[in-house]
Amino acid sequence: MSSNSRKRSVLITGGAGFIGYHLAKRMLDDDWRVVSVDGMTNYYDPSLKRRRHEMLAKSNHFQAHEVMLEDFEALSIAFADAQPDIVVHLAAQAGVRYSLENPRAYVEANLVGTFNVMELVRQHKPAHYLFASTSSVYGANKDMPFGETDRTDHPITLYAATKKATENMAHSYAHLWSQPTTAFRFFTVYGPWGRPDMALFKFVRAMQAGEAIDVYGEGDMRRDFTYVDDLIESIVRLIEAVPATGQPIADAVDSLSPAAPFRVVNIGGGQPVGLMDFISTIEQQLGLEARKNILPMQAGDVRETYAKAELLEALTGYRPSTTVEAGIKAFVDWYLSYYQAK
């Protein structure tokens, strides 16, 4: 990998994003050199992203590039700066509902952008390429919990379709260029510094302002909420779990490809929580009762997500376990501190 004469280097796309920020901070704490690539798009308030980068820039071992994934030349410069031992590709156009309004953004960022990242991974040959997929790829699957070897042929949003496409693209590159690759499927990540378009952030903001919250699916929904620190611990451990063709893990049903050093791993705790219970916990933490607009399911939503976590645990010895009570408290404490300080 890298020599003893320099720090190990990780390039993180989406380093100013919610998950990217937490991962970059952890990698800096673990004595890595971190190069962040982020386009600072206006999908949500860019000032929150810039503040995250400012926090990271307190380290002398952090370098930021404001680059769109679609800009191959600028992205090439960031890779040349990083000379990465590891690449973690988190940048994407996120959000299920926004994909109904602006589908082109998903094709450009998630397909073209990911292709550019993979081309540079092919050139630089890091020891391990890891990238974010999503539980949304399970689409119309009815069997619970979702397992990595389940079929994912029926996406119900363009967002999910683009993410499944990136898994397929990465598999082909892993096969053609013998590039060790891990795709992780996230399950409803939440926590401090979270995205303003996600439910927890929207609920807390509305309740603090005395406004009603929108509760979709008549509240009859369940999610495998994953606290961000658990997610980051899982990613850090998976960095060292480098897939090799023909070496499956014996302790779980392994998704390792028969044709490439490529694996898909769920990152979720396998403990789904009802939406109304989630809201009740927010009410307890804020000491406020939410006024609720009870609404039908939105196009592209699913009633339930629920991860099999056996493969993650077999590979890393770890499984997300933070309770929603502890996770929501941490978010509320951060939210009140951050917005009262502004």
Protein backbone atom coordinates (compact mmCIF):
# COMPACT_ATOMS: atom_id res chain seq x y z
CA MET A 1 0.00 0.00 0.00
CA SER A 2 1.62 3.28 1.01
CA SER A 3 5.15 3.47 2.30
CA ASN A 4 6.04 4.24 5.89
CA SER A 5 7.40 7.62 4.80
CA ARG A 6 3.99 9.20 4.36
CA LYS A 7 0.51 9.07 5.79
CA ARG A 8 -2.02 6.87 4.10
CA SER A 9 -4.16 9.00 1.83
CA VAL A 10 -7.92 8.75 1.31
CA LEU A 11 -9.90 10.67 -1.29
CA ILE A 12 -13.52 11.18 -0.26
CA THR A 13 -16.03 12.49 -2.76
CA GLY A 14 -18.85 14.37 -1.08
CA GLY A 15 -16.53 15.29 1.76
CA ALA A 16 -18.62 18.35 2.65
CA GLY A 17 -21.76 16.24 2.81
CA PHE A 18 -23.37 14.79 5.89
CA ILE A 19 -21.72 11.36 5.78
CA GLY A 20 -18.57 12.57 4.03
CA TYR A 21 -17.90 15.10 6.78
CA HIS A 22 -18.19 12.48 9.51
CA LEU A 23 -15.99 10.04 7.59
CA ALA A 24 -13.35 12.69 6.87
CA LYS A 25 -13.27 13.71 10.53
CA ARG A 26 -12.85 10.10 11.63
CA MET A 27 -10.08 9.45 9.08
CA LEU A 28 -8.21 12.56 10.22
CA ASP A 29 -8.55 11.38 13.82
CA ASP A 30 -7.11 8.04 12.69
CA ASP A 31 -4.05 9.83 11.23
CA TRP A 32 -4.90 9.68 7.53
CA ARG A 33 -4.35 12.42 4.99
CA VAL A 34 -7.80 13.35 3.67
CA VAL A 35 -8.58 14.94 0.31
CA SER A 36 -12.22 15.99 -0.09
CA VAL A 37 -13.98 16.56 -3.39
CA ASP A 38 -17.34 18.33 -3.22
CA GLY A 39 -19.32 20.37 -5.74
CA MET A 40 -21.13 22.44 -3.07
CA THR A 41 -24.38 22.17 -5.04
CA ASN A 42 -27.44 24.08 -3.89
CA TYR A 43 -29.63 20.98 -3.43
CA TYR A 44 -29.62 22.14 0.18
CA ASP A 45 -28.03 25.10 1.99
CA PRO A 46 -24.38 25.26 0.84
CA SER A 47 -23.45 27.21 3.98
CA LEU A 48 -23.90 24.02 6.01
CA LYS A 49 -21.51 22.23 3.65
CA ARG A 50 -18.97 25.04 3.84
CA ARG A 51 -19.14 25.00 7.62
CA ARG A 52 -18.36 21.27 7.59
CA HIS A 53 -15.31 21.89 5.39
CA GLU A 54 -14.20 24.72 7.69
CA MET A 55 -14.32 22.33 10.64
CA LEU A 56 -12.19 19.78 8.77
CA ALA A 57 -9.73 22.41 7.53
CA LYS A 58 -8.54 22.91 11.11
CA SER A 59 -6.34 19.89 10.38
CA ASN A 60 -3.13 20.40 8.39
CA HIS A 61 -3.74 17.01 6.80
CA PHE A 62 -7.00 18.00 5.11
CA GLN A 63 -7.26 19.33 1.56
CA ALA A 64 -10.50 20.39 -0.15
CA HIS A 65 -11.29 20.64 -3.85
CA GLU A 66 -14.54 22.31 -4.92
CA VAL A 67 -15.21 20.19 -7.97
CA MET A 68 -18.27 18.79 -9.73
CA LEU A 69 -18.01 15.09 -10.50
CA GLU A 70 -19.03 15.80 -14.08
CA ASP A 71 -15.87 17.93 -14.57
CA PHE A 72 -13.35 15.21 -15.42
CA GLU A 73 -10.33 17.50 -15.78
CA ALA A 74 -10.86 19.18 -12.41
CA LEU A 75 -11.55 15.81 -10.81
CA SER A 76 -8.29 14.52 -12.30
CA ILE A 77 -6.39 17.29 -10.52
CA ALA A 78 -7.93 16.30 -7.19
CA PHE A 79 -6.92 12.66 -7.71
CA ALA A 80 -3.39 13.69 -8.66
CA ASP A 81 -3.20 15.76 -5.46
CA ALA A 82 -4.48 12.90 -3.33
CA GLN A 83 -2.50 9.99 -4.82
CA PRO A 84 -5.06 7.96 -2.89
CA ASP A 85 -4.43 4.65 -1.18
CA ILE A 86 -8.19 4.42 -0.69
CA VAL A 87 -11.09 6.08 -2.52
CA VAL A 88 -14.50 6.42 -0.84
CA HIS A 89 -17.09 7.72 -3.28
CA LEU A 90 -20.02 9.24 -1.39
CA ALA A 91 -20.95 12.17 -3.62
CA ALA A 92 -24.26 11.77 -5.43
CA GLN A 93 -27.51 13.48 -6.15
CA ALA A 94 -29.49 12.13 -3.23
CA GLY A 95 -33.15 12.07 -2.33
CA VAL A 96 -36.01 9.90 -3.53
CA ARG A 97 -38.61 12.64 -3.88
CA TYR A 98 -36.36 15.14 -5.66
CA SER A 99 -35.73 12.55 -8.37
CA LEU A 100 -39.35 13.08 -9.43
CA GLU A 101 -38.71 16.80 -9.91
CA ASN A 102 -35.22 16.88 -11.44
CA PRO A 103 -34.32 13.49 -12.90
CA ARG A 104 -31.54 14.87 -15.10
CA ALA A 105 -29.49 15.79 -12.00
CA TYR A 106 -29.39 12.10 -11.07
CA VAL A 107 -28.17 10.98 -14.48
CA GLU A 108 -25.44 13.65 -14.55
CA ALA A 109 -24.15 13.27 -10.98
CA ASN A 110 -24.77 9.59 -10.31
CA LEU A 111 -24.04 8.05 -13.71
CA VAL A 112 -21.66 10.44 -15.48
CA GLY A 113 -20.02 11.53 -12.23
CA THR A 114 -19.50 7.99 -11.00
CA PHE A 115 -18.09 6.96 -14.38
CA ASN A 116 -15.51 9.76 -14.06
CA VAL A 117 -14.57 8.60 -10.56
CA MET A 118 -14.18 5.02 -11.76
CA GLU A 119 -11.99 6.05 -14.68
CA LEU A 120 -9.66 7.83 -12.25
CA VAL A 121 -9.75 4.87 -9.87
CA ARG A 122 -8.68 2.71 -12.82
CA GLN A 123 -5.75 5.05 -13.50
CA HIS A 124 -4.59 5.48 -9.88
CA LYS A 125 -5.24 1.90 -8.71
CA PRO A 126 -6.01 2.43 -5.01
CA ALA A 127 -5.85 -0.61 -2.76
CA HIS A 128 -9.63 -0.45 -2.27
CA TYR A 129 -12.45 1.52 -3.93
CA LEU A 130 -15.59 1.86 -1.80
CA PHE A 131 -18.78 3.65 -2.75
CA ALA A 132 -22.23 4.42 -1.45
CA SER A 133 -25.28 2.70 -2.79
CA THR A 134 -28.65 2.67 -1.03
CA SER A 135 -31.35 0.44 0.42
CA SER A 136 -33.60 1.95 -2.26
CA VAL A 137 -32.12 -0.52 -4.78
CA TYR A 138 -34.25 -3.25 -3.15
CA GLY A 139 -37.21 -1.45 -4.71
CA ALA A 140 -40.37 -3.51 -4.91
CA ASN A 141 -38.93 -6.48 -2.96
CA LYS A 142 -41.43 -7.77 -0.42
CA ASP A 143 -39.26 -10.22 1.52
CA MET A 144 -37.80 -8.82 4.73
CA PRO A 145 -35.12 -8.30 5.85
CA PHE A 146 -33.28 -7.25 2.70
CA GLY A 147 -30.22 -9.39 2.00
CA GLU A 148 -27.30 -8.48 -0.25
CA THR A 149 -27.93 -11.45 -2.55
CA ASP A 150 -31.62 -10.62 -3.03
CA ARG A 151 -32.64 -9.57 -6.54
CA THR A 152 -32.61 -5.83 -7.13
CA ASP A 153 -34.23 -5.73 -10.56
CA HIS A 154 -37.30 -3.62 -9.79
CA PRO A 155 -36.29 -0.07 -8.76
CA ILE A 156 -39.28 2.21 -8.20
CA THR A 157 -37.49 5.56 -8.52
CA LEU A 158 -34.89 6.93 -10.89
CA TYR A 159 -32.68 7.58 -7.87
CA ALA A 160 -32.68 3.86 -7.06
CA ALA A 161 -32.16 2.98 -10.72
CA THR A 162 -29.06 5.19 -10.96
CA LYS A 163 -27.63 3.71 -7.78
CA LYS A 164 -28.17 0.16 -9.00
CA ALA A 165 -26.53 1.19 -12.27
CA THR A 166 -23.45 2.40 -10.39
CA GLU A 167 -23.22 -1.02 -8.70
CA ASN A 168 -23.29 -2.69 -12.12
CA MET A 169 -20.76 -0.25 -13.56
CA ALA A 170 -18.42 -0.80 -10.62
CA HIS A 171 -18.67 -4.56 -10.94
CA SER A 172 -17.62 -4.40 -14.59
CA TYR A 173 -14.62 -2.21 -13.71
CA ALA A 174 -13.69 -4.50 -10.83
CA HIS A 175 -13.70 -7.44 -13.24
CA LEU A 176 -11.91 -5.75 -16.13
CA TRP A 177 -9.19 -4.04 -14.09
CA SER A 178 -8.98 -6.32 -11.01
CA GLN A 179 -9.92 -3.35 -8.83
CA PRO A 180 -11.00 -4.39 -5.30
CA THR A 181 -14.39 -2.74 -4.82
CA THR A 182 -17.03 -2.61 -2.09
CA ALA A 183 -20.49 -1.10 -2.49
CA PHE A 184 -22.32 -0.31 0.71
CA ARG A 185 -26.09 0.02 0.84
CA PHE A 186 -27.09 2.63 3.42
CA PHE A 187 -30.29 2.41 5.45
CA THR A 188 -31.83 5.78 6.54
CA VAL A 189 -28.76 7.42 8.06
CA TYR A 190 -29.32 10.20 10.60
CA GLY A 191 -27.41 12.18 13.19
CA PRO A 192 -25.67 15.53 13.90
CA TRP A 193 -24.78 17.63 10.85
CA GLY A 194 -27.54 15.80 8.95
CA ARG A 195 -29.13 16.85 5.67
CA PRO A 196 -31.96 19.39 5.89
CA ASP A 197 -34.04 17.43 3.36
CA MET A 198 -34.24 14.36 5.60
CA ALA A 199 -37.15 13.60 7.90
CA LEU A 200 -35.46 14.12 11.28
CA PHE A 201 -34.10 17.53 10.33
CA LYS A 202 -37.42 18.62 8.81
CA PHE A 203 -39.42 17.41 11.81
CA VAL A 204 -37.22 19.16 14.38
CA ARG A 205 -37.12 22.40 12.39
CA ALA A 206 -40.91 22.46 11.92
CA MET A 207 -41.66 21.59 15.54
CA GLN A 208 -39.28 24.26 16.80
CA ALA A 209 -41.08 26.78 14.59
CA GLY A 210 -44.53 25.68 15.77
CA GLU A 211 -45.38 24.30 12.34
CA ALA A 212 -47.08 21.03 11.46
CA ILE A 213 -45.02 18.11 10.16
CA ASP A 214 -45.92 16.06 7.09
CA VAL A 215 -46.35 12.39 7.96
CA TYR A 216 -46.52 10.23 4.84
CA GLY A 217 -47.99 6.76 4.47
CA GLU A 218 -50.54 7.62 7.18
CA GLY A 219 -47.61 7.11 9.56
CA ASP A 220 -47.66 3.36 8.88
CA MET A 221 -44.02 3.10 7.80
CA ARG A 222 -40.92 1.51 9.31
CA ARG A 223 -37.28 2.34 8.69
CA ASP A 224 -34.01 0.70 9.69
CA PHE A 225 -32.61 3.97 11.05
CA THR A 226 -28.79 3.95 11.16
CA TYR A 227 -26.97 6.40 13.42
CA VAL A 228 -24.12 8.13 11.60
CA ASP A 229 -21.37 7.10 14.04
CA ASP A 230 -22.36 3.45 13.54
CA LEU A 231 -22.24 3.95 9.78
CA ILE A 232 -18.78 5.52 9.93
CA GLU A 233 -17.43 2.75 12.16
CA SER A 234 -18.75 0.24 9.63
CA ILE A 235 -17.12 2.03 6.69
CA VAL A 236 -13.77 2.35 8.46
CA ARG A 237 -13.77 -1.36 9.22
CA LEU A 238 -14.84 -2.25 5.67
CA ILE A 239 -11.87 -0.30 4.28
CA GLU A 240 -9.67 -3.09 5.64
CA ALA A 241 -12.01 -5.86 4.42
CA VAL A 242 -10.64 -5.86 0.89
CA PRO A 243 -12.55 -8.26 -1.37
CA ALA A 244 -10.60 -10.87 -3.30
CA THR A 245 -12.08 -13.05 -6.03
CA GLY A 246 -12.78 -16.56 -4.85
CA GLN A 247 -12.40 -15.82 -1.12
CA PRO A 248 -15.93 -15.60 0.30
CA ILE A 249 -16.63 -15.18 4.00
CA ALA A 250 -17.76 -18.47 5.50
CA ASP A 251 -19.78 -16.98 8.38
CA ALA A 252 -22.55 -15.37 6.31
CA VAL A 253 -24.24 -15.44 2.93
CA ASP A 254 -21.58 -13.55 0.99
CA SER A 255 -22.33 -11.26 -1.95
CA LEU A 256 -18.78 -11.61 -3.29
CA SER A 257 -18.81 -11.78 -7.07
CA PRO A 258 -17.68 -15.01 -8.74
CA ALA A 259 -16.02 -12.93 -11.47
CA ALA A 260 -14.46 -9.93 -9.71
CA PRO A 261 -13.03 -8.66 -6.40
CA PHE A 262 -16.40 -6.99 -5.78
CA ARG A 263 -18.81 -7.17 -2.85
CA VAL A 264 -22.04 -5.47 -1.77
CA VAL A 265 -22.61 -4.91 1.97
CA ASN A 266 -25.67 -3.62 3.80
CA ILE A 267 -24.95 -1.09 6.53
CA GLY A 268 -27.93 -1.24 8.84
CA GLY A 269 -28.67 -2.64 12.25
CA GLY A 270 -31.62 -4.82 11.30
CA GLN A 271 -33.87 -3.16 13.89
CA PRO A 272 -36.63 -1.25 12.06
CA VAL A 273 -38.54 1.43 13.97
CA GLY A 274 -42.06 2.66 13.26
CA LEU A 275 -42.36 6.22 11.97
CA MET A 276 -44.83 7.22 14.70
CA ASP A 277 -42.46 5.85 17.37
CA PHE A 278 -39.64 7.86 15.77
CA ILE A 279 -41.77 11.02 15.94
CA SER A 280 -42.73 10.27 19.55
CA THR A 281 -39.05 10.10 20.47
CA ILE A 282 -38.44 13.50 18.84
CA GLU A 283 -41.36 14.92 20.83
CA GLN A 284 -39.84 13.59 24.05
CA GLN A 285 -36.43 15.07 23.27
CA LEU A 286 -37.82 18.49 22.34
CA GLY A 287 -40.52 18.57 25.01
CA LEU A 288 -42.98 19.50 22.26
CA GLU A 289 -45.99 17.80 20.73
CA ALA A 290 -45.97 17.68 16.95
CA ARG A 291 -48.97 18.81 14.93
CA LYS A 292 -49.22 16.22 12.18
CA ASN A 293 -50.43 16.44 8.60
CA ILE A 294 -51.31 12.79 7.93
CA LEU A 295 -50.74 12.17 4.23
CA PRO A 296 -50.83 9.18 1.85
CA MET A 297 -47.74 7.40 0.55
CA GLN A 298 -45.72 9.40 -1.93
CA ALA A 299 -44.66 8.02 -5.29
CA GLY A 300 -41.40 6.09 -4.93
CA ASP A 301 -41.73 5.49 -1.17
CA VAL A 302 -41.81 2.04 0.40
CA ARG A 303 -43.56 0.98 3.59
CA GLU A 304 -40.55 -0.62 5.21
CA THR A 305 -36.79 -1.03 5.03
CA TYR A 306 -35.02 -3.66 7.07
CA ALA A 307 -31.41 -4.82 6.60
CA LYS A 308 -29.80 -8.17 7.07
CA ALA A 309 -26.63 -7.27 8.97
CA GLU A 310 -24.94 -10.69 9.12
CA LEU A 311 -22.48 -10.05 6.28
CA LEU A 312 -21.35 -6.72 7.74
CA GLU A 313 -20.83 -8.37 11.12
CA ALA A 314 -18.95 -11.33 9.61
CA LEU A 315 -16.61 -9.00 7.71
CA THR A 316 -16.02 -6.45 10.45
CA GLY A 317 -17.09 -7.89 13.79
CA TYR A 318 -19.45 -4.93 14.06
CA ARG A 319 -23.15 -4.16 13.70
CA PRO A 320 -24.92 -0.79 14.17
CA SER A 321 -26.61 -0.73 17.57
CA THR A 322 -27.20 2.90 18.64
CA THR A 323 -30.81 3.29 19.79
CA VAL A 324 -33.04 5.92 18.17
CA GLU A 325 -33.41 7.49 21.62
CA ALA A 326 -29.66 8.08 21.86
CA GLY A 327 -29.32 9.06 18.21
CA ILE A 328 -32.19 11.53 18.19
CA LYS A 329 -30.94 13.11 21.42
CA ALA A 330 -27.52 13.63 19.80
CA PHE A 331 -29.12 15.23 16.75
CA VAL A 332 -31.40 17.50 18.77
CA ASP A 333 -28.50 18.62 20.98
CA TRP A 334 -26.46 19.45 17.85
CA TYR A 335 -29.37 21.18 16.10
CA LEU A 336 -30.22 23.44 19.03
CA SER A 337 -26.55 24.32 19.59
CA TYR A 338 -25.79 24.97 15.92
CA TYR A 339 -28.80 27.13 15.12
CA GLN A 340 -28.79 29.04 18.41
CA ALA A 341 -25.14 29.91 17.78
CA LYS A 342 -25.85 31.41 14.35
